[in-house]
Structures are given as structure tokens and as C-alpha cells.
Amino acid sequence: IVVFRFLSRPFMPHIRAALRPGGRIIYQTFNRRILDTRPDMNPDYLLNLGELAGTFGDWRIIHSSESAHTSHIVATKPSRHMP
């Protein structure tokens, strides 16, 4: 699953459930730091710092970073056979 510049927190459990074990999420969207330069943006649609890593923290995180305005994660859903 690939998600860019979209955030719906109520939809996150559906994204997690949609992937099969071994499937990968690639997610990037704006975080609250963007409010420093774009105060008109609705904070309800901005990630908190660390939020993606927390949402997918029980998965194998391949990459996770937060830049000046965006948060990124690439993670693999654990297989059922992994301890």
C-alpha cells in the first residue's frame, strides 16, 4: 500500500488490516512542522512527530524519517510465522 499526502486517522486500522503478512506500507504526508510556514493548514490532517513510527511500531520498520514538513515510513507487516 502506498499513501502520499493523505491522512485519515480513523482509516489507519483499515490500512493495517488490508496488508497481508509480509506486505509493505510506504507512507508519506505532512506533519505539524509545516504550520511554521503554512499556518492556514488544518492540523487535523497533519501528523504528530513520531506518529507513523508509533502506528506501525509493531511492524518491521525499514525506513522512518521526519523532515521539515513531512513524515515518511516504509514498513513490512510481520508474517504470521515470525515470533
N, C-alpha and C. Protein backbone atom coordinates (compact mmCIF):
# COMPACT_ATOMS: atom_id res chain seq x y z
N ILE A 1 0.86 -1.17 0.00
CA ILE A 1 0.00 0.00 0.00
C ILE A 1 0.90 1.22 0.00
N VAL A 2 0.56 2.19 -0.84
CA VAL A 2 1.31 3.44 -0.93
C VAL A 2 0.34 4.59 -0.62
N VAL A 3 0.74 5.46 0.29
CA VAL A 3 -0.08 6.61 0.67
C VAL A 3 0.81 7.85 0.65
N PHE A 4 0.39 8.84 -0.10
CA PHE A 4 1.10 10.11 -0.16
C PHE A 4 0.13 11.26 0.07
N ARG A 5 0.49 12.13 1.00
CA ARG A 5 -0.24 13.36 1.29
C ARG A 5 -1.71 13.13 1.57
N PHE A 6 -1.97 12.17 2.42
CA PHE A 6 -3.33 11.87 2.85
C PHE A 6 -3.26 11.39 4.29
N LEU A 7 -4.18 11.85 5.11
CA LEU A 7 -4.25 11.39 6.49
C LEU A 7 -5.70 11.34 6.94
N SER A 8 -6.10 10.14 7.33
CA SER A 8 -7.39 9.92 7.98
C SER A 8 -7.12 8.93 9.10
N ARG A 9 -6.99 9.42 10.29
CA ARG A 9 -6.67 8.55 11.42
C ARG A 9 -7.67 7.41 11.59
N PRO A 10 -8.99 7.64 11.41
CA PRO A 10 -9.93 6.52 11.52
C PRO A 10 -9.69 5.43 10.47
N PHE A 11 -9.02 5.76 9.38
CA PHE A 11 -8.77 4.80 8.31
C PHE A 11 -7.50 3.96 8.56
N MET A 12 -6.64 4.39 9.49
CA MET A 12 -5.37 3.68 9.75
C MET A 12 -5.56 2.20 10.08
N PRO A 13 -6.51 1.83 10.94
CA PRO A 13 -6.68 0.39 11.20
C PRO A 13 -7.04 -0.40 9.95
N HIS A 14 -7.75 0.23 9.02
CA HIS A 14 -8.12 -0.44 7.77
C HIS A 14 -6.89 -0.65 6.88
N ILE A 15 -5.99 0.33 6.87
CA ILE A 15 -4.75 0.18 6.12
C ILE A 15 -3.93 -0.97 6.71
N ARG A 16 -3.80 -0.99 8.03
CA ARG A 16 -3.04 -2.07 8.68
C ARG A 16 -3.66 -3.44 8.37
N ALA A 17 -4.98 -3.53 8.42
CA ALA A 17 -5.65 -4.81 8.19
C ALA A 17 -5.61 -5.23 6.72
N ALA A 18 -5.54 -4.28 5.81
CA ALA A 18 -5.59 -4.59 4.38
C ALA A 18 -4.35 -5.31 3.88
N LEU A 19 -3.22 -5.09 4.53
CA LEU A 19 -2.00 -5.74 4.08
C LEU A 19 -1.92 -7.17 4.57
N ARG A 20 -1.48 -8.04 3.70
CA ARG A 20 -1.22 -9.42 4.08
C ARG A 20 0.11 -9.47 4.85
N PRO A 21 0.31 -10.48 5.64
CA PRO A 21 1.62 -10.64 6.28
C PRO A 21 2.73 -10.62 5.22
N GLY A 22 3.76 -9.88 5.50
CA GLY A 22 4.85 -9.70 4.54
C GLY A 22 4.63 -8.53 3.60
N GLY A 23 3.43 -7.96 3.62
CA GLY A 23 3.13 -6.79 2.78
C GLY A 23 3.82 -5.55 3.30
N ARG A 24 3.92 -4.55 2.45
CA ARG A 24 4.69 -3.35 2.80
C ARG A 24 3.83 -2.10 2.68
N ILE A 25 4.02 -1.20 3.62
CA ILE A 25 3.41 0.13 3.58
C ILE A 25 4.49 1.15 3.26
N ILE A 26 4.18 2.05 2.36
CA ILE A 26 5.02 3.22 2.08
C ILE A 26 4.11 4.41 2.30
N TYR A 27 4.44 5.22 3.29
CA TYR A 27 3.54 6.30 3.70
C TYR A 27 4.33 7.59 3.86
N GLN A 28 3.81 8.65 3.27
CA GLN A 28 4.42 9.98 3.42
C GLN A 28 3.31 11.02 3.42
N THR A 29 3.33 11.89 4.40
CA THR A 29 2.40 13.01 4.40
C THR A 29 2.94 14.12 5.29
N PHE A 30 2.24 15.22 5.29
CA PHE A 30 2.70 16.39 6.03
C PHE A 30 2.61 16.17 7.54
N ASN A 31 3.55 16.77 8.26
CA ASN A 31 3.50 16.75 9.72
C ASN A 31 3.27 18.18 10.23
N ARG A 32 3.13 18.32 11.52
CA ARG A 32 2.78 19.62 12.12
C ARG A 32 3.84 20.69 11.94
N ARG A 33 5.04 20.30 11.59
CA ARG A 33 6.08 21.32 11.36
C ARG A 33 5.73 22.26 10.21
N ILE A 34 4.88 21.82 9.31
CA ILE A 34 4.50 22.66 8.18
C ILE A 34 3.72 23.91 8.63
N LEU A 35 3.15 23.85 9.82
CA LEU A 35 2.40 25.00 10.32
C LEU A 35 3.29 26.23 10.51
N ASP A 36 4.61 26.01 10.63
CA ASP A 36 5.54 27.14 10.75
C ASP A 36 5.53 28.01 9.49
N THR A 37 5.31 27.39 8.34
CA THR A 37 5.30 28.14 7.08
C THR A 37 3.92 28.20 6.43
N ARG A 38 3.02 27.30 6.84
CA ARG A 38 1.66 27.27 6.29
C ARG A 38 0.64 27.20 7.43
N PRO A 39 0.50 28.28 8.20
CA PRO A 39 -0.39 28.24 9.36
C PRO A 39 -1.87 28.05 9.00
N ASP A 40 -2.20 28.18 7.72
CA ASP A 40 -3.58 28.01 7.27
C ASP A 40 -3.99 26.54 7.13
N MET A 41 -3.04 25.61 7.21
CA MET A 41 -3.37 24.19 7.06
C MET A 41 -4.12 23.68 8.29
N ASN A 42 -5.05 22.78 8.05
CA ASN A 42 -5.85 22.20 9.13
C ASN A 42 -5.01 21.18 9.89
N PRO A 43 -4.72 21.43 11.17
CA PRO A 43 -3.88 20.49 11.93
C PRO A 43 -4.49 19.10 12.11
N ASP A 44 -5.79 18.95 11.88
CA ASP A 44 -6.41 17.63 11.98
C ASP A 44 -5.87 16.67 10.92
N TYR A 45 -5.31 17.22 9.84
CA TYR A 45 -4.80 16.41 8.74
C TYR A 45 -3.28 16.42 8.68
N LEU A 46 -2.65 16.71 9.81
CA LEU A 46 -1.20 16.74 9.90
C LEU A 46 -0.75 15.74 10.96
N LEU A 47 0.29 15.00 10.64
CA LEU A 47 0.82 14.02 11.59
C LEU A 47 1.54 14.70 12.74
N ASN A 48 1.45 14.12 13.90
CA ASN A 48 2.32 14.49 15.01
C ASN A 48 3.67 13.84 14.75
N LEU A 49 4.73 14.44 15.25
CA LEU A 49 6.04 13.84 15.09
C LEU A 49 6.06 12.48 15.78
N GLY A 50 6.57 11.47 15.10
CA GLY A 50 6.62 10.12 15.64
C GLY A 50 5.34 9.31 15.47
N GLU A 51 4.31 9.91 14.92
CA GLU A 51 3.02 9.21 14.83
C GLU A 51 3.06 8.00 13.90
N LEU A 52 3.69 8.13 12.74
CA LEU A 52 3.76 6.98 11.84
C LEU A 52 4.56 5.84 12.47
N ALA A 53 5.69 6.17 13.06
CA ALA A 53 6.51 5.14 13.72
C ALA A 53 5.71 4.47 14.84
N GLY A 54 4.89 5.21 15.54
CA GLY A 54 4.05 4.62 16.57
C GLY A 54 2.94 3.75 16.01
N THR A 55 2.33 4.21 14.93
CA THR A 55 1.24 3.47 14.31
C THR A 55 1.71 2.12 13.77
N PHE A 56 2.93 2.09 13.23
CA PHE A 56 3.46 0.86 12.64
C PHE A 56 4.64 0.32 13.44
N GLY A 57 4.72 0.67 14.71
CA GLY A 57 5.84 0.29 15.56
C GLY A 57 5.98 -1.20 15.79
N ASP A 58 4.91 -1.96 15.63
CA ASP A 58 4.98 -3.41 15.82
C ASP A 58 5.29 -4.13 14.51
N TRP A 59 5.55 -3.38 13.45
CA TRP A 59 5.95 -3.94 12.17
C TRP A 59 7.46 -3.79 12.03
N ARG A 60 8.05 -4.42 11.01
CA ARG A 60 9.48 -4.25 10.75
C ARG A 60 9.67 -2.95 9.98
N ILE A 61 10.23 -1.96 10.64
CA ILE A 61 10.42 -0.65 10.01
C ILE A 61 11.72 -0.68 9.22
N ILE A 62 11.58 -0.44 7.93
CA ILE A 62 12.72 -0.42 7.02
C ILE A 62 13.31 0.99 6.97
N HIS A 63 12.45 1.97 6.97
CA HIS A 63 12.88 3.38 6.93
C HIS A 63 11.82 4.22 7.63
N SER A 64 12.28 5.16 8.41
CA SER A 64 11.39 6.12 9.05
C SER A 64 12.15 7.42 9.22
N SER A 65 11.54 8.53 8.78
CA SER A 65 12.20 9.82 8.95
C SER A 65 11.15 10.92 8.98
N GLU A 66 11.60 12.06 9.49
CA GLU A 66 10.74 13.24 9.53
C GLU A 66 11.58 14.42 9.09
N SER A 67 11.13 15.06 8.03
CA SER A 67 11.85 16.22 7.51
C SER A 67 11.17 17.49 8.02
N ALA A 68 11.53 18.58 7.41
CA ALA A 68 10.99 19.87 7.85
C ALA A 68 9.47 19.93 7.78
N HIS A 69 8.86 19.21 6.83
CA HIS A 69 7.41 19.32 6.66
C HIS A 69 6.70 17.98 6.49
N THR A 70 7.44 16.89 6.32
CA THR A 70 6.79 15.60 6.05
C THR A 70 7.36 14.51 6.94
N SER A 71 6.54 13.49 7.13
CA SER A 71 6.95 12.27 7.83
C SER A 71 6.85 11.12 6.84
N HIS A 72 7.77 10.18 6.94
CA HIS A 72 7.87 9.08 5.99
C HIS A 72 8.08 7.77 6.75
N ILE A 73 7.52 6.70 6.20
CA ILE A 73 7.80 5.37 6.76
C ILE A 73 7.69 4.34 5.64
N VAL A 74 8.54 3.35 5.71
CA VAL A 74 8.45 2.14 4.91
C VAL A 74 8.53 1.01 5.92
N ALA A 75 7.50 0.17 5.96
CA ALA A 75 7.46 -0.90 6.95
C ALA A 75 6.81 -2.14 6.35
N THR A 76 7.20 -3.28 6.89
CA THR A 76 6.67 -4.57 6.44
C THR A 76 5.84 -5.18 7.56
N LYS A 77 4.64 -5.64 7.21
CA LYS A 77 3.79 -6.30 8.19
C LYS A 77 4.40 -7.66 8.52
N PRO A 78 4.52 -7.99 9.80
CA PRO A 78 5.13 -9.27 10.17
C PRO A 78 4.36 -10.45 9.60
N SER A 79 5.11 -11.47 9.24
CA SER A 79 4.43 -12.69 8.79
C SER A 79 3.88 -13.42 10.01
N ARG A 80 2.94 -14.25 9.79
CA ARG A 80 2.31 -14.97 10.90
C ARG A 80 3.28 -15.93 11.56
N HIS A 81 4.34 -16.27 10.85
CA HIS A 81 5.31 -17.24 11.36
C HIS A 81 6.42 -16.61 12.16
N MET A 82 6.47 -15.27 12.17
CA MET A 82 7.52 -14.60 12.92
C MET A 82 7.16 -14.59 14.39
N PRO A 83 8.14 -14.73 15.27
CA PRO A 83 7.83 -14.71 16.71
C PRO A 83 7.43 -13.33 17.17
